[in-house]
């Protein structure tokens, strides 16, 4: 399933709908205003919070955290000692690790688990400027988590390059 995401939408206080490939509203991004740290909620069409994305405040390396209502779900950081410049690690609370690599700032990258492709993030499917797709390849994959991972990795890469600022 492909999901349409527009760039530069993740500003504090901004709300935005992510649509599926049929143009239906799939997820609402709710940018929380007046918070000390960058915070977004990803909600279903009925308004239920699926995941919360936060910039991790006390960390040696820049990191973002994905949470569910029952606590932390994942932490995303740039991978250390990687030969690839754009390589990030997603550490899930159950010990599972996902690898994200590719041209992050170009919106051309993949999310993998033990070499299996879970999602492909790309601009190639859309001609609309500042738009990219999150193509979740496995039917049993958690689409909200994959979209949150893509958003986090892009924010981390932009911060590292000084693009997009710290909203």
N, C-alpha and C. Protein backbone atom coordinates (compact mmCIF):
# COMPACT_ATOMS: atom_id res chain seq x y z
N UNK A 1 0.85 -1.18 0.00
CA UNK A 1 0.00 0.00 0.00
C UNK A 1 0.89 1.24 0.00
N UNK A 2 0.59 2.15 -0.87
CA UNK A 2 1.34 3.41 -0.94
C UNK A 2 0.57 4.50 -0.21
N UNK A 3 1.35 5.34 0.49
CA UNK A 3 0.79 6.49 1.20
C UNK A 3 1.47 7.75 0.70
N UNK A 4 0.70 8.78 0.43
CA UNK A 4 1.19 10.05 -0.09
C UNK A 4 1.49 11.00 1.06
N UNK A 5 2.76 11.46 1.13
CA UNK A 5 3.19 12.37 2.19
C UNK A 5 3.78 13.61 1.54
N UNK A 6 3.41 14.78 2.03
CA UNK A 6 3.98 16.03 1.52
C UNK A 6 5.09 16.51 2.43
N UNK A 7 6.18 16.95 1.81
CA UNK A 7 7.30 17.50 2.57
C UNK A 7 6.93 18.82 3.21
N UNK A 8 7.73 19.19 4.21
CA UNK A 8 7.59 20.48 4.91
C UNK A 8 6.26 20.62 5.61
N UNK A 9 5.60 19.50 5.85
CA UNK A 9 4.32 19.58 6.55
C UNK A 9 4.49 19.42 8.04
N UNK A 10 5.64 18.93 8.45
CA UNK A 10 5.81 18.57 9.84
C UNK A 10 6.37 19.73 10.65
N UNK A 11 5.60 20.81 10.71
CA UNK A 11 5.95 21.95 11.52
C UNK A 11 5.11 21.95 12.79
N UNK A 12 5.63 22.53 13.83
CA UNK A 12 4.90 22.56 15.09
C UNK A 12 3.57 23.29 14.86
N UNK A 13 2.51 22.66 15.29
CA UNK A 13 1.18 23.24 15.16
C UNK A 13 0.49 22.96 13.84
N UNK A 14 1.17 22.31 12.89
CA UNK A 14 0.57 22.02 11.60
C UNK A 14 -0.15 20.69 11.62
N UNK A 15 -1.31 20.63 10.98
CA UNK A 15 -2.04 19.39 10.80
C UNK A 15 -2.10 19.08 9.31
N UNK A 16 -2.09 17.79 8.96
CA UNK A 16 -2.07 17.41 7.57
C UNK A 16 -2.56 15.97 7.41
N UNK A 17 -3.31 15.71 6.36
CA UNK A 17 -3.77 14.36 6.06
C UNK A 17 -2.77 13.65 5.15
N UNK A 18 -2.45 12.42 5.48
CA UNK A 18 -1.69 11.52 4.60
C UNK A 18 -2.74 10.64 3.94
N UNK A 19 -2.69 10.54 2.61
CA UNK A 19 -3.69 9.78 1.87
C UNK A 19 -3.12 8.46 1.39
N UNK A 20 -4.02 7.48 1.17
CA UNK A 20 -3.58 6.23 0.58
C UNK A 20 -3.57 6.38 -0.94
N UNK A 21 -3.20 5.32 -1.66
CA UNK A 21 -3.06 5.44 -3.11
C UNK A 21 -4.40 5.64 -3.82
N UNK A 22 -5.52 5.41 -3.15
CA UNK A 22 -6.84 5.69 -3.73
C UNK A 22 -7.32 7.10 -3.40
N UNK A 23 -6.50 7.88 -2.70
CA UNK A 23 -6.86 9.24 -2.35
C UNK A 23 -7.70 9.36 -1.09
N UNK A 24 -7.85 8.26 -0.35
CA UNK A 24 -8.61 8.30 0.90
C UNK A 24 -7.72 8.79 2.05
N UNK A 25 -8.33 9.50 2.99
CA UNK A 25 -7.60 9.97 4.17
C UNK A 25 -7.24 8.75 5.01
N UNK A 26 -5.93 8.54 5.23
CA UNK A 26 -5.46 7.37 5.97
C UNK A 26 -4.96 7.73 7.36
N UNK A 27 -4.19 8.82 7.45
CA UNK A 27 -3.60 9.24 8.73
C UNK A 27 -3.63 10.76 8.82
N UNK A 28 -3.89 11.25 10.01
CA UNK A 28 -3.82 12.68 10.27
C UNK A 28 -2.54 12.95 11.04
N UNK A 29 -1.72 13.86 10.55
CA UNK A 29 -0.53 14.30 11.27
C UNK A 29 -0.93 15.53 12.06
N UNK A 30 -0.78 15.45 13.37
CA UNK A 30 -1.15 16.55 14.25
C UNK A 30 0.14 17.07 14.90
N UNK A 31 0.61 18.23 14.43
CA UNK A 31 1.80 18.85 15.00
C UNK A 31 1.42 19.61 16.26
N UNK A 32 1.93 19.19 17.39
CA UNK A 32 1.55 19.78 18.66
C UNK A 32 2.27 21.10 18.90
N UNK A 33 1.49 22.16 19.08
CA UNK A 33 2.05 23.49 19.33
C UNK A 33 2.36 23.66 20.82
N UNK A 34 3.20 24.61 21.10
CA UNK A 34 3.54 25.00 22.46
C UNK A 34 4.12 23.87 23.30
N UNK A 35 4.94 23.06 22.69
CA UNK A 35 5.65 22.00 23.41
C UNK A 35 7.12 22.38 23.47
N UNK A 36 7.81 21.92 24.50
CA UNK A 36 9.23 22.22 24.63
C UNK A 36 10.08 21.48 23.61
N UNK A 37 9.59 20.35 23.15
CA UNK A 37 10.32 19.61 22.13
C UNK A 37 9.40 19.27 20.98
N UNK A 38 10.00 19.04 19.83
CA UNK A 38 9.26 18.72 18.63
C UNK A 38 8.40 17.47 18.86
N UNK A 39 7.09 17.60 18.62
CA UNK A 39 6.16 16.50 18.86
C UNK A 39 5.10 16.48 17.76
N UNK A 40 4.84 15.26 17.23
CA UNK A 40 3.78 15.05 16.26
C UNK A 40 3.00 13.82 16.67
N UNK A 41 1.71 13.84 16.39
CA UNK A 41 0.90 12.64 16.59
C UNK A 41 0.40 12.18 15.24
N UNK A 42 0.43 10.88 15.02
CA UNK A 42 -0.13 10.28 13.82
C UNK A 42 -1.43 9.60 14.26
N UNK A 43 -2.56 10.09 13.71
CA UNK A 43 -3.88 9.61 14.13
C UNK A 43 -4.57 8.90 12.98
N UNK A 44 -5.50 8.01 13.32
CA UNK A 44 -6.31 7.37 12.30
C UNK A 44 -7.43 8.34 11.89
N UNK A 45 -8.21 8.02 10.85
CA UNK A 45 -9.26 8.95 10.41
C UNK A 45 -10.31 9.26 11.47
N UNK A 46 -10.45 8.40 12.48
CA UNK A 46 -11.41 8.66 13.56
C UNK A 46 -10.81 9.52 14.68
N UNK A 47 -9.54 9.89 14.55
CA UNK A 47 -8.92 10.77 15.54
C UNK A 47 -8.17 10.05 16.65
N UNK A 48 -8.09 8.72 16.61
CA UNK A 48 -7.34 7.97 17.63
C UNK A 48 -5.85 8.09 17.36
N UNK A 49 -5.08 8.36 18.40
CA UNK A 49 -3.63 8.48 18.27
C UNK A 49 -3.03 7.09 18.08
N UNK A 50 -2.32 6.91 16.97
CA UNK A 50 -1.66 5.63 16.68
C UNK A 50 -0.23 5.63 17.20
N UNK A 51 0.49 6.69 16.91
CA UNK A 51 1.86 6.85 17.41
C UNK A 51 2.13 8.33 17.66
N UNK A 52 3.05 8.58 18.58
CA UNK A 52 3.53 9.94 18.86
C UNK A 52 5.01 9.96 18.54
N UNK A 53 5.44 10.98 17.82
CA UNK A 53 6.84 11.15 17.44
C UNK A 53 7.39 12.32 18.24
N UNK A 54 8.52 12.10 18.91
CA UNK A 54 9.14 13.16 19.70
C UNK A 54 10.64 13.20 19.43
N UNK A 55 11.17 14.39 19.46
CA UNK A 55 12.62 14.53 19.43
C UNK A 55 13.13 14.11 20.79
N UNK A 56 14.09 13.22 20.81
CA UNK A 56 14.64 12.76 22.09
C UNK A 56 15.54 13.87 22.63
N UNK A 57 15.27 14.30 23.86
CA UNK A 57 15.96 15.46 24.42
C UNK A 57 17.36 15.13 24.94
N UNK A 58 17.49 14.13 25.77
CA UNK A 58 18.77 13.84 26.39
C UNK A 58 19.39 12.62 25.71
N UNK A 59 20.22 12.91 24.70
CA UNK A 59 20.84 11.85 23.94
C UNK A 59 22.19 12.35 23.44
N UNK A 60 23.20 11.48 23.48
CA UNK A 60 24.51 11.88 22.98
C UNK A 60 24.48 12.15 21.49
N UNK A 61 23.72 11.34 20.78
CA UNK A 61 23.54 11.55 19.34
C UNK A 61 22.10 11.97 19.10
N UNK A 62 21.89 12.76 18.04
CA UNK A 62 20.55 13.19 17.68
C UNK A 62 19.68 11.95 17.49
N UNK A 63 18.51 11.96 18.09
CA UNK A 63 17.61 10.81 18.01
C UNK A 63 16.16 11.27 18.09
N UNK A 64 15.28 10.43 17.55
CA UNK A 64 13.85 10.66 17.68
C UNK A 64 13.23 9.39 18.25
N UNK A 65 12.13 9.58 18.94
CA UNK A 65 11.47 8.48 19.62
C UNK A 65 10.04 8.35 19.11
N UNK A 66 9.60 7.12 18.90
CA UNK A 66 8.22 6.83 18.51
C UNK A 66 7.58 6.14 19.70
N UNK A 67 6.39 6.63 20.09
CA UNK A 67 5.71 6.09 21.26
C UNK A 67 4.29 5.70 20.91
N UNK A 68 3.79 4.73 21.65
CA UNK A 68 2.37 4.37 21.64
C UNK A 68 1.85 4.75 23.00
N UNK A 69 0.55 4.67 23.21
CA UNK A 69 0.01 5.10 24.51
C UNK A 69 0.55 4.29 25.67
N UNK A 70 1.03 3.07 25.41
CA UNK A 70 1.57 2.25 26.49
C UNK A 70 3.08 2.43 26.68
N UNK A 71 3.68 3.39 25.99
CA UNK A 71 5.10 3.68 26.20
C UNK A 71 5.90 3.71 24.91
N UNK A 72 7.21 3.75 25.08
CA UNK A 72 8.13 3.86 23.95
C UNK A 72 8.01 2.64 23.04
N UNK A 73 8.03 2.89 21.73
CA UNK A 73 7.96 1.83 20.73
C UNK A 73 9.30 1.66 20.02
N UNK A 74 9.95 2.80 19.70
CA UNK A 74 11.20 2.73 18.95
C UNK A 74 12.01 4.00 19.13
N UNK A 75 13.33 3.87 18.93
CA UNK A 75 14.24 5.02 18.90
C UNK A 75 15.00 4.94 17.58
N UNK A 76 15.11 6.07 16.90
CA UNK A 76 15.80 6.14 15.61
C UNK A 76 17.04 7.01 15.76
N UNK A 77 18.18 6.47 15.32
CA UNK A 77 19.46 7.20 15.34
C UNK A 77 20.23 6.91 14.07
N UNK A 78 21.14 7.81 13.77
CA UNK A 78 22.07 7.54 12.68
C UNK A 78 22.96 6.38 13.10
N UNK A 79 23.18 5.46 12.19
CA UNK A 79 23.99 4.28 12.51
C UNK A 79 25.45 4.68 12.60
N UNK A 80 26.10 4.22 13.65
CA UNK A 80 27.53 4.48 13.82
C UNK A 80 28.33 3.53 12.96
N UNK A 81 29.52 3.95 12.61
CA UNK A 81 30.47 3.10 11.90
C UNK A 81 29.87 2.44 10.67
N UNK A 82 29.12 3.21 9.92
CA UNK A 82 28.52 2.71 8.69
C UNK A 82 29.31 3.22 7.51
N UNK A 83 29.50 2.36 6.52
CA UNK A 83 30.15 2.78 5.28
C UNK A 83 29.21 3.66 4.46
N UNK A 84 27.92 3.50 4.71
CA UNK A 84 26.93 4.32 4.00
C UNK A 84 26.67 5.59 4.79
N UNK A 85 26.69 6.71 4.11
CA UNK A 85 26.50 7.99 4.78
C UNK A 85 25.08 8.14 5.33
N UNK A 86 24.11 7.70 4.57
CA UNK A 86 22.71 7.83 4.97
C UNK A 86 22.17 6.48 5.46
N UNK A 87 22.59 6.10 6.64
CA UNK A 87 22.19 4.82 7.20
C UNK A 87 21.73 5.04 8.64
N UNK A 88 20.50 4.65 8.92
CA UNK A 88 19.92 4.84 10.24
C UNK A 88 19.47 3.50 10.81
N UNK A 89 19.45 3.42 12.12
CA UNK A 89 19.00 2.22 12.81
C UNK A 89 17.76 2.56 13.63
N UNK A 90 16.77 1.68 13.52
CA UNK A 90 15.55 1.79 14.31
C UNK A 90 15.59 0.67 15.32
N UNK A 91 15.64 1.02 16.59
CA UNK A 91 15.68 0.03 17.67
C UNK A 91 14.30 -0.04 18.31
N UNK A 92 13.60 -1.15 18.08
CA UNK A 92 12.28 -1.35 18.67
C UNK A 92 12.47 -1.86 20.10
N UNK A 93 11.48 -1.61 20.96
CA UNK A 93 11.61 -1.98 22.36
C UNK A 93 11.73 -3.49 22.57
N UNK A 94 11.27 -4.29 21.62
CA UNK A 94 11.37 -5.74 21.75
C UNK A 94 12.73 -6.28 21.33
N UNK A 95 13.67 -5.37 20.97
CA UNK A 95 15.00 -5.78 20.57
C UNK A 95 15.18 -5.90 19.06
N UNK A 96 14.10 -5.84 18.31
CA UNK A 96 14.16 -5.88 16.86
C UNK A 96 14.83 -4.62 16.33
N UNK A 97 15.64 -4.77 15.29
CA UNK A 97 16.27 -3.61 14.66
C UNK A 97 15.90 -3.55 13.19
N UNK A 98 15.54 -2.36 12.74
CA UNK A 98 15.27 -2.10 11.34
C UNK A 98 16.40 -1.24 10.81
N UNK A 99 16.77 -1.47 9.56
CA UNK A 99 17.80 -0.65 8.90
C UNK A 99 17.15 0.24 7.87
N UNK A 100 17.55 1.50 7.85
CA UNK A 100 17.06 2.47 6.88
C UNK A 100 18.27 3.01 6.15
N UNK A 101 18.26 2.90 4.82
CA UNK A 101 19.40 3.41 4.06
C UNK A 101 18.95 3.87 2.68
N UNK A 102 19.76 4.74 2.12
CA UNK A 102 19.48 5.30 0.80
C UNK A 102 19.77 6.78 0.79
N UNK A 103 19.19 7.47 -0.16
CA UNK A 103 19.36 8.91 -0.29
C UNK A 103 18.19 9.59 0.44
N UNK A 104 18.40 9.78 1.73
CA UNK A 104 17.32 10.26 2.61
C UNK A 104 16.79 11.62 2.16
N UNK A 105 17.69 12.58 1.96
CA UNK A 105 17.25 13.93 1.59
C UNK A 105 16.61 13.99 0.22
N UNK A 106 16.91 13.00 -0.64
CA UNK A 106 16.26 12.90 -1.95
C UNK A 106 14.95 12.14 -1.89
N UNK A 107 14.61 11.62 -0.71
CA UNK A 107 13.41 10.81 -0.50
C UNK A 107 13.44 9.55 -1.36
N UNK A 108 14.60 8.91 -1.39
CA UNK A 108 14.79 7.63 -2.10
C UNK A 108 15.53 6.69 -1.15
N UNK A 109 14.79 5.95 -0.33
CA UNK A 109 15.43 5.05 0.63
C UNK A 109 14.52 3.88 0.97
N UNK A 110 15.07 2.92 1.69
CA UNK A 110 14.34 1.71 2.05
C UNK A 110 14.38 1.46 3.55
N UNK A 111 13.41 0.67 4.02
CA UNK A 111 13.37 0.20 5.40
C UNK A 111 13.41 -1.32 5.30
N UNK A 112 14.38 -1.93 5.99
CA UNK A 112 14.56 -3.38 5.93
C UNK A 112 14.64 -3.98 7.32
N UNK A 113 14.26 -5.26 7.39
CA UNK A 113 14.44 -6.06 8.59
C UNK A 113 15.18 -7.33 8.19
N UNK A 114 16.39 -7.49 8.72
CA UNK A 114 17.24 -8.64 8.42
C UNK A 114 17.31 -8.93 6.92
N UNK A 115 17.50 -7.88 6.13
CA UNK A 115 17.65 -8.01 4.69
C UNK A 115 16.35 -8.08 3.91
N UNK A 116 15.21 -8.17 4.60
CA UNK A 116 13.91 -8.20 3.92
C UNK A 116 13.37 -6.78 3.79
N UNK A 117 12.99 -6.42 2.58
CA UNK A 117 12.46 -5.09 2.30
C UNK A 117 11.06 -4.95 2.87
N UNK A 118 10.88 -4.00 3.79
CA UNK A 118 9.56 -3.73 4.38
C UNK A 118 8.86 -2.57 3.69
N UNK A 119 9.65 -1.54 3.30
CA UNK A 119 9.06 -0.35 2.69
C UNK A 119 10.08 0.34 1.81
N UNK A 120 9.56 0.98 0.78
CA UNK A 120 10.37 1.80 -0.12
C UNK A 120 9.78 3.20 -0.12
N UNK A 121 10.61 4.18 0.16
CA UNK A 121 10.17 5.57 0.19
C UNK A 121 10.74 6.23 -1.06
N UNK A 122 9.88 6.88 -1.85
CA UNK A 122 10.33 7.42 -3.13
C UNK A 122 9.46 8.58 -3.60
N UNK A 123 10.10 9.45 -4.35
CA UNK A 123 9.39 10.54 -5.03
C UNK A 123 8.99 10.14 -6.44
N UNK A 124 9.53 9.05 -6.95
CA UNK A 124 9.36 8.72 -8.35
C UNK A 124 7.90 8.45 -8.74
N UNK A 125 7.04 8.10 -7.79
CA UNK A 125 5.66 7.78 -8.13
C UNK A 125 4.77 9.01 -8.26
N UNK A 126 5.29 10.18 -7.89
CA UNK A 126 4.46 11.38 -7.92
C UNK A 126 5.16 12.52 -8.64
N UNK A 127 4.39 13.26 -9.39
CA UNK A 127 4.92 14.42 -10.09
C UNK A 127 4.70 15.70 -9.28
N UNK A 128 3.89 15.61 -8.25
CA UNK A 128 3.61 16.77 -7.41
C UNK A 128 4.88 17.14 -6.65
N UNK A 129 5.24 18.41 -6.70
CA UNK A 129 6.43 18.88 -6.01
C UNK A 129 6.28 18.68 -4.50
N UNK A 130 7.39 18.39 -3.85
CA UNK A 130 7.42 18.23 -2.39
C UNK A 130 6.51 17.11 -1.90
N UNK A 131 6.41 16.04 -2.70
CA UNK A 131 5.58 14.91 -2.33
C UNK A 131 6.37 13.63 -2.50
N UNK A 132 6.21 12.72 -1.57
CA UNK A 132 6.84 11.40 -1.72
C UNK A 132 5.87 10.34 -1.25
N UNK A 133 6.17 9.10 -1.62
CA UNK A 133 5.31 7.97 -1.24
C UNK A 133 6.05 7.08 -0.27
N UNK A 134 5.30 6.55 0.67
CA UNK A 134 5.79 5.49 1.54
C UNK A 134 5.06 4.24 1.08
N UNK A 135 5.79 3.35 0.40
CA UNK A 135 5.20 2.13 -0.13
C UNK A 135 5.49 1.00 0.85
N UNK A 136 4.48 0.63 1.63
CA UNK A 136 4.61 -0.45 2.61
C UNK A 136 4.38 -1.76 1.86
N UNK A 137 5.42 -2.59 1.79
CA UNK A 137 5.40 -3.77 0.93
C UNK A 137 4.77 -5.00 1.57
N UNK A 138 4.85 -5.12 2.87
CA UNK A 138 4.27 -6.29 3.54
C UNK A 138 2.90 -5.95 4.09
N UNK A 139 1.94 -6.81 3.83
CA UNK A 139 0.58 -6.56 4.30
C UNK A 139 0.48 -6.56 5.82
N UNK A 140 1.34 -7.34 6.48
CA UNK A 140 1.28 -7.43 7.94
C UNK A 140 2.14 -6.38 8.64
N UNK A 141 2.77 -5.49 7.88
CA UNK A 141 3.59 -4.43 8.46
C UNK A 141 2.70 -3.36 9.08
N UNK A 142 3.20 -2.71 10.12
CA UNK A 142 2.51 -1.63 10.81
C UNK A 142 2.76 -0.34 10.01
N UNK A 143 1.77 0.04 9.18
CA UNK A 143 1.93 1.20 8.30
C UNK A 143 2.20 2.49 9.09
N UNK A 144 1.53 2.68 10.21
CA UNK A 144 1.76 3.89 11.02
C UNK A 144 3.20 3.94 11.51
N UNK A 145 3.74 2.81 11.94
CA UNK A 145 5.13 2.76 12.39
C UNK A 145 6.08 3.06 11.24
N UNK A 146 5.85 2.47 10.08
CA UNK A 146 6.73 2.69 8.92
C UNK A 146 6.71 4.16 8.50
N UNK A 147 5.54 4.77 8.46
CA UNK A 147 5.45 6.19 8.11
C UNK A 147 6.17 7.02 9.15
N UNK A 148 5.99 6.71 10.42
CA UNK A 148 6.68 7.45 11.48
C UNK A 148 8.19 7.30 11.35
N UNK A 149 8.68 6.11 11.03
CA UNK A 149 10.12 5.90 10.82
C UNK A 149 10.61 6.77 9.68
N UNK A 150 9.89 6.80 8.56
CA UNK A 150 10.29 7.62 7.41
C UNK A 150 10.37 9.10 7.80
N UNK A 151 9.37 9.59 8.51
CA UNK A 151 9.35 10.99 8.94
C UNK A 151 10.54 11.29 9.85
N UNK A 152 10.80 10.40 10.80
CA UNK A 152 11.90 10.61 11.75
C UNK A 152 13.25 10.65 11.04
N UNK A 153 13.47 9.71 10.15
CA UNK A 153 14.76 9.64 9.44
C UNK A 153 14.97 10.90 8.60
N UNK A 154 13.93 11.36 7.95
CA UNK A 154 14.04 12.58 7.15
C UNK A 154 14.36 13.77 8.05
N UNK A 155 13.67 13.89 9.18
CA UNK A 155 13.95 15.00 10.11
C UNK A 155 15.38 14.96 10.63
N UNK A 156 15.86 13.77 10.99
CA UNK A 156 17.23 13.63 11.48
C UNK A 156 18.24 14.01 10.40
N UNK A 157 18.02 13.56 9.17
CA UNK A 157 18.94 13.88 8.07
C UNK A 157 18.92 15.38 7.77
N UNK A 158 17.75 16.00 7.83
CA UNK A 158 17.67 17.44 7.60
C UNK A 158 18.39 18.22 8.68
N UNK A 159 18.24 17.79 9.93
CA UNK A 159 18.94 18.47 11.02
C UNK A 159 20.45 18.36 10.86
N UNK A 160 20.90 17.17 10.48
CA UNK A 160 22.34 16.96 10.31
C UNK A 160 22.91 17.86 9.22
N UNK A 161 22.14 18.08 8.17
CA UNK A 161 22.59 18.93 7.07
C UNK A 161 22.22 20.38 7.24
N UNK A 162 21.50 20.70 8.32
CA UNK A 162 21.10 22.08 8.53
C UNK A 162 19.95 22.51 7.65
N UNK A 163 19.15 21.55 7.17
CA UNK A 163 17.99 21.82 6.31
C UNK A 163 16.75 21.68 7.16
N UNK A 164 15.77 22.53 6.97
CA UNK A 164 14.49 22.37 7.64
C UNK A 164 14.42 22.91 9.05
N UNK A 165 15.53 23.17 9.69
CA UNK A 165 15.54 23.77 11.02
C UNK A 165 15.00 22.88 12.10
N UNK A 166 14.93 23.40 13.28
CA UNK A 166 14.36 22.71 14.44
C UNK A 166 13.06 23.39 14.81
N UNK A 167 11.99 23.06 14.12
CA UNK A 167 10.70 23.71 14.36
C UNK A 167 10.30 23.65 15.80
